[in-house]
Amino acid sequence: MPYTKEKRCFERIRVPNICGMVELKGGKKEVSIVNACSGGVCIAGVEMDLGDIVRLFIDHPETVGTISLYCKVVWVESKGDEIGYSGLALLNTNRILFEQELESFGRLIAAATGNT
């Protein structure tokens, strides 16, 4: 198997039993959150195109209200006829404008690792 360089800057954390919604051009679609890190998430359940800008909504008991994150689709993986996985990079990098969303997302990751 050929070696491929790992491009991620942050450790991926499995976040089981977390669902969300992705807002696309055609409306909102339900997705499953596969894993997350400080820089993005991997989702399953909806077909997207590389480079799409989407809005991800996550409800989690550790947060107050819904987490709303703007993301860019940075990779997609399809498995035949099944809808595969998509990697989303967070675009909410302005810590002043998106302080609450980023803190809530951080709590979600901390809860998944047991570091609450």
C-alpha atoms as a PDB file:
ATOM      1  CA  MET A   1       0.000   0.000   0.000  1.00  0.00           C
ATOM      2  CA  PRO A   2       1.473   3.401  -0.948  1.00  0.00           C
ATOM      3  CA  TYR A   3       2.334   5.872   1.799  1.00  0.00           C
ATOM      4  CA  THR A   4       0.188   9.000   1.975  1.00  0.00           C
ATOM      5  CA  LYS A   5       1.240  11.895   4.146  1.00  0.00           C
ATOM      6  CA  GLU A   6      -1.170  12.763   6.968  1.00  0.00           C
ATOM      7  CA  LYS A   7      -2.454  16.302   6.342  1.00  0.00           C
ATOM      8  CA  ARG A   8      -4.390  16.768   9.572  1.00  0.00           C
ATOM      9  CA  CYS A   9      -2.999  19.100  12.223  1.00  0.00           C
ATOM     10  CA  PHE A  10      -5.237  17.829  15.035  1.00  0.00           C
ATOM     11  CA  GLU A  11      -6.048  14.401  16.476  1.00  0.00           C
ATOM     12  CA  ARG A  12      -9.367  12.965  15.266  1.00  0.00           C
ATOM     13  CA  ILE A  13     -11.790  12.109  18.082  1.00  0.00           C
ATOM     14  CA  ARG A  14     -14.630   9.637  17.555  1.00  0.00           C
ATOM     15  CA  VAL A  15     -17.950  11.199  18.530  1.00  0.00           C
ATOM     16  CA  PRO A  16     -20.468   8.346  18.567  1.00  0.00           C
ATOM     17  CA  ASN A  17     -24.222   8.895  18.477  1.00  0.00           C
ATOM     18  CA  ILE A  18     -24.027  12.527  17.374  1.00  0.00           C
ATOM     19  CA  CYS A  19     -26.255  13.641  14.521  1.00  0.00           C
ATOM     20  CA  GLY A  20     -26.580  16.950  12.834  1.00  0.00           C
ATOM     21  CA  MET A  21     -27.907  18.761   9.811  1.00  0.00           C
ATOM     22  CA  VAL A  22     -26.061  20.218   6.854  1.00  0.00           C
ATOM     23  CA  GLU A  23     -27.524  23.197   5.054  1.00  0.00           C
ATOM     24  CA  LEU A  24     -26.846  22.879   1.341  1.00  0.00           C
ATOM     25  CA  LYS A  25     -28.150  24.709  -1.706  1.00  0.00           C
ATOM     26  CA  GLY A  26     -31.124  22.314  -1.807  1.00  0.00           C
ATOM     27  CA  GLY A  27     -32.082  22.672   1.856  1.00  0.00           C
ATOM     28  CA  LYS A  28     -31.120  20.867   5.065  1.00  0.00           C
ATOM     29  CA  LYS A  29     -30.098  17.199   5.165  1.00  0.00           C
ATOM     30  CA  GLU A  30     -29.542  14.988   8.219  1.00  0.00           C
ATOM     31  CA  VAL A  31     -25.997  13.658   8.738  1.00  0.00           C
ATOM     32  CA  SER A  32     -24.040  11.577  11.242  1.00  0.00           C
ATOM     33  CA  ILE A  33     -20.890  12.987  12.800  1.00  0.00           C
ATOM     34  CA  VAL A  34     -18.191  10.303  12.479  1.00  0.00           C
ATOM     35  CA  ASN A  35     -15.293  12.097  14.133  1.00  0.00           C
ATOM     36  CA  ALA A  36     -14.176  15.615  14.968  1.00  0.00           C
ATOM     37  CA  CYS A  37     -11.088  17.619  15.787  1.00  0.00           C
ATOM     38  CA  SER A  38     -10.318  21.260  16.495  1.00  0.00           C
ATOM     39  CA  GLY A  39     -10.102  21.969  12.774  1.00  0.00           C
ATOM     40  CA  GLY A  40     -13.087  20.097  11.365  1.00  0.00           C
ATOM     41  CA  VAL A  41     -15.387  17.096  11.234  1.00  0.00           C
ATOM     42  CA  CYS A  42     -15.995  13.961   9.209  1.00  0.00           C
ATOM     43  CA  ILE A  43     -19.649  13.381   8.370  1.00  0.00           C
ATOM     44  CA  ALA A  44     -21.662  10.675   6.646  1.00  0.00           C
ATOM     45  CA  GLY A  45     -25.099  10.620   5.084  1.00  0.00           C
ATOM     46  CA  VAL A  46     -25.167  13.250   2.374  1.00  0.00           C
ATOM     47  CA  GLU A  47     -23.522  13.666  -1.014  1.00  0.00           C
ATOM     48  CA  MET A  48     -21.520  16.874  -1.401  1.00  0.00           C
ATOM     49  CA  ASP A  49     -19.028  18.254  -3.863  1.00  0.00           C
ATOM     50  CA  LEU A  50     -15.440  19.142  -3.119  1.00  0.00           C
ATOM     51  CA  GLY A  51     -15.172  22.858  -2.359  1.00  0.00           C
ATOM     52  CA  ASP A  52     -18.815  23.329  -1.297  1.00  0.00           C
ATOM     53  CA  ILE A  53     -19.385  25.788   1.543  1.00  0.00           C
ATOM     54  CA  VAL A  54     -22.006  24.439   3.957  1.00  0.00           C
ATOM     55  CA  ARG A  55     -23.469  25.226   7.346  1.00  0.00           C
ATOM     56  CA  LEU A  56     -23.333  22.402   9.888  1.00  0.00           C
ATOM     57  CA  PHE A  57     -25.774  22.292  12.810  1.00  0.00           C
ATOM     58  CA  ILE A  58     -24.976  20.007  15.774  1.00  0.00           C
ATOM     59  CA  ASP A  59     -27.162  19.354  18.819  1.00  0.00           C
ATOM     60  CA  HIS A  60     -25.329  17.865  21.788  1.00  0.00           C
ATOM     61  CA  PRO A  61     -26.290  17.555  25.482  1.00  0.00           C
ATOM     62  CA  GLU A  62     -22.998  19.184  26.571  1.00  0.00           C
ATOM     63  CA  THR A  63     -23.873  22.433  24.790  1.00  0.00           C
ATOM     64  CA  VAL A  64     -26.526  25.067  25.230  1.00  0.00           C
ATOM     65  CA  GLY A  65     -28.586  25.158  22.068  1.00  0.00           C
ATOM     66  CA  THR A  66     -27.448  24.210  18.595  1.00  0.00           C
ATOM     67  CA  ILE A  67     -23.851  24.628  17.456  1.00  0.00           C
ATOM     68  CA  SER A  68     -23.786  26.312  14.040  1.00  0.00           C
ATOM     69  CA  LEU A  69     -20.534  26.084  12.084  1.00  0.00           C
ATOM     70  CA  TYR A  70     -19.621  27.210   8.593  1.00  0.00           C
ATOM     71  CA  CYS A  71     -17.470  24.635   6.818  1.00  0.00           C
ATOM     72  CA  LYS A  72     -15.776  23.895   3.523  1.00  0.00           C
ATOM     73  CA  VAL A  73     -15.845  20.397   2.024  1.00  0.00           C
ATOM     74  CA  VAL A  74     -12.160  19.469   1.746  1.00  0.00           C
ATOM     75  CA  TRP A  75     -12.476  15.785   0.822  1.00  0.00           C
ATOM     76  CA  VAL A  76     -15.154  13.309  -0.225  1.00  0.00           C
ATOM     77  CA  GLU A  77     -15.152   9.520  -0.350  1.00  0.00           C
ATOM     78  CA  SER A  78     -17.867   7.523  -2.099  1.00  0.00           C
ATOM     79  CA  LYS A  79     -18.328   3.781  -1.845  1.00  0.00           C
ATOM     80  CA  GLY A  80     -20.108   2.577  -4.964  1.00  0.00           C
ATOM     81  CA  ASP A  81     -23.811   3.372  -4.782  1.00  0.00           C
ATOM     82  CA  GLU A  82     -23.618   4.318  -1.085  1.00  0.00           C
ATOM     83  CA  ILE A  83     -23.221   7.886   0.059  1.00  0.00           C
ATOM     84  CA  GLY A  84     -19.781   7.968   1.589  1.00  0.00           C
ATOM     85  CA  TYR A  85     -17.981  10.319   3.905  1.00  0.00           C
ATOM     86  CA  SER A  86     -17.072  13.990   3.657  1.00  0.00           C
ATOM     87  CA  GLY A  87     -14.405  15.959   5.467  1.00  0.00           C
ATOM     88  CA  LEU A  88     -15.388  19.471   6.505  1.00  0.00           C
ATOM     89  CA  ALA A  89     -12.868  22.122   7.526  1.00  0.00           C
ATOM     90  CA  LEU A  90     -14.164  24.755   9.936  1.00  0.00           C
ATOM     91  CA  LEU A  91     -14.391  28.268   8.541  1.00  0.00           C
ATOM     92  CA  ASN A  92     -15.437  29.843  11.883  1.00  0.00           C
ATOM     93  CA  THR A  93     -11.863  30.811  12.633  1.00  0.00           C
ATOM     94  CA  ASN A  94     -12.603  34.335  13.887  1.00  0.00           C
ATOM     95  CA  ARG A  95     -12.540  33.714  17.655  1.00  0.00           C
ATOM     96  CA  ILE A  96     -14.276  37.023  18.410  1.00  0.00           C
ATOM     97  CA  LEU A  97     -17.269  36.655  16.070  1.00  0.00           C
ATOM     98  CA  PHE A  98     -17.744  32.917  16.646  1.00  0.00           C
ATOM     99  CA  GLU A  99     -16.615  32.630  20.279  1.00  0.00           C
ATOM    100  CA  GLN A 100     -19.741  30.832  21.548  1.00  0.00           C
ATOM    101  CA  GLU A 101     -19.876  28.345  18.639  1.00  0.00           C
ATOM    102  CA  LEU A 102     -16.178  27.464  18.961  1.00  0.00           C
ATOM    103  CA  GLU A 103     -16.424  27.040  22.753  1.00  0.00           C
ATOM    104  CA  SER A 104     -19.464  24.762  22.349  1.00  0.00           C
ATOM    105  CA  PHE A 105     -17.668  22.718  19.691  1.00  0.00           C
ATOM    106  CA  GLY A 106     -14.644  22.436  22.011  1.00  0.00           C
ATOM    107  CA  ARG A 107     -16.916  21.136  24.799  1.00  0.00           C
ATOM    108  CA  LEU A 108     -18.338  18.531  22.409  1.00  0.00           C
ATOM    109  CA  ILE A 109     -14.820  17.258  21.621  1.00  0.00           C
ATOM    110  CA  ALA A 110     -13.827  17.342  25.297  1.00  0.00           C
ATOM    111  CA  ALA A 111     -16.924  15.326  26.235  1.00  0.00           C
ATOM    112  CA  ALA A 112     -16.065  12.724  23.599  1.00  0.00           C
ATOM    113  CA  THR A 113     -12.549  12.314  24.995  1.00  0.00           C
ATOM    114  CA  GLY A 114     -13.696  12.341  28.621  1.00  0.00           C
ATOM    115  CA  ASN A 115     -11.807  15.585  29.323  1.00  0.00           C
ATOM    116  CA  THR A 116     -14.774  17.592  30.599  1.00  0.00           C
END
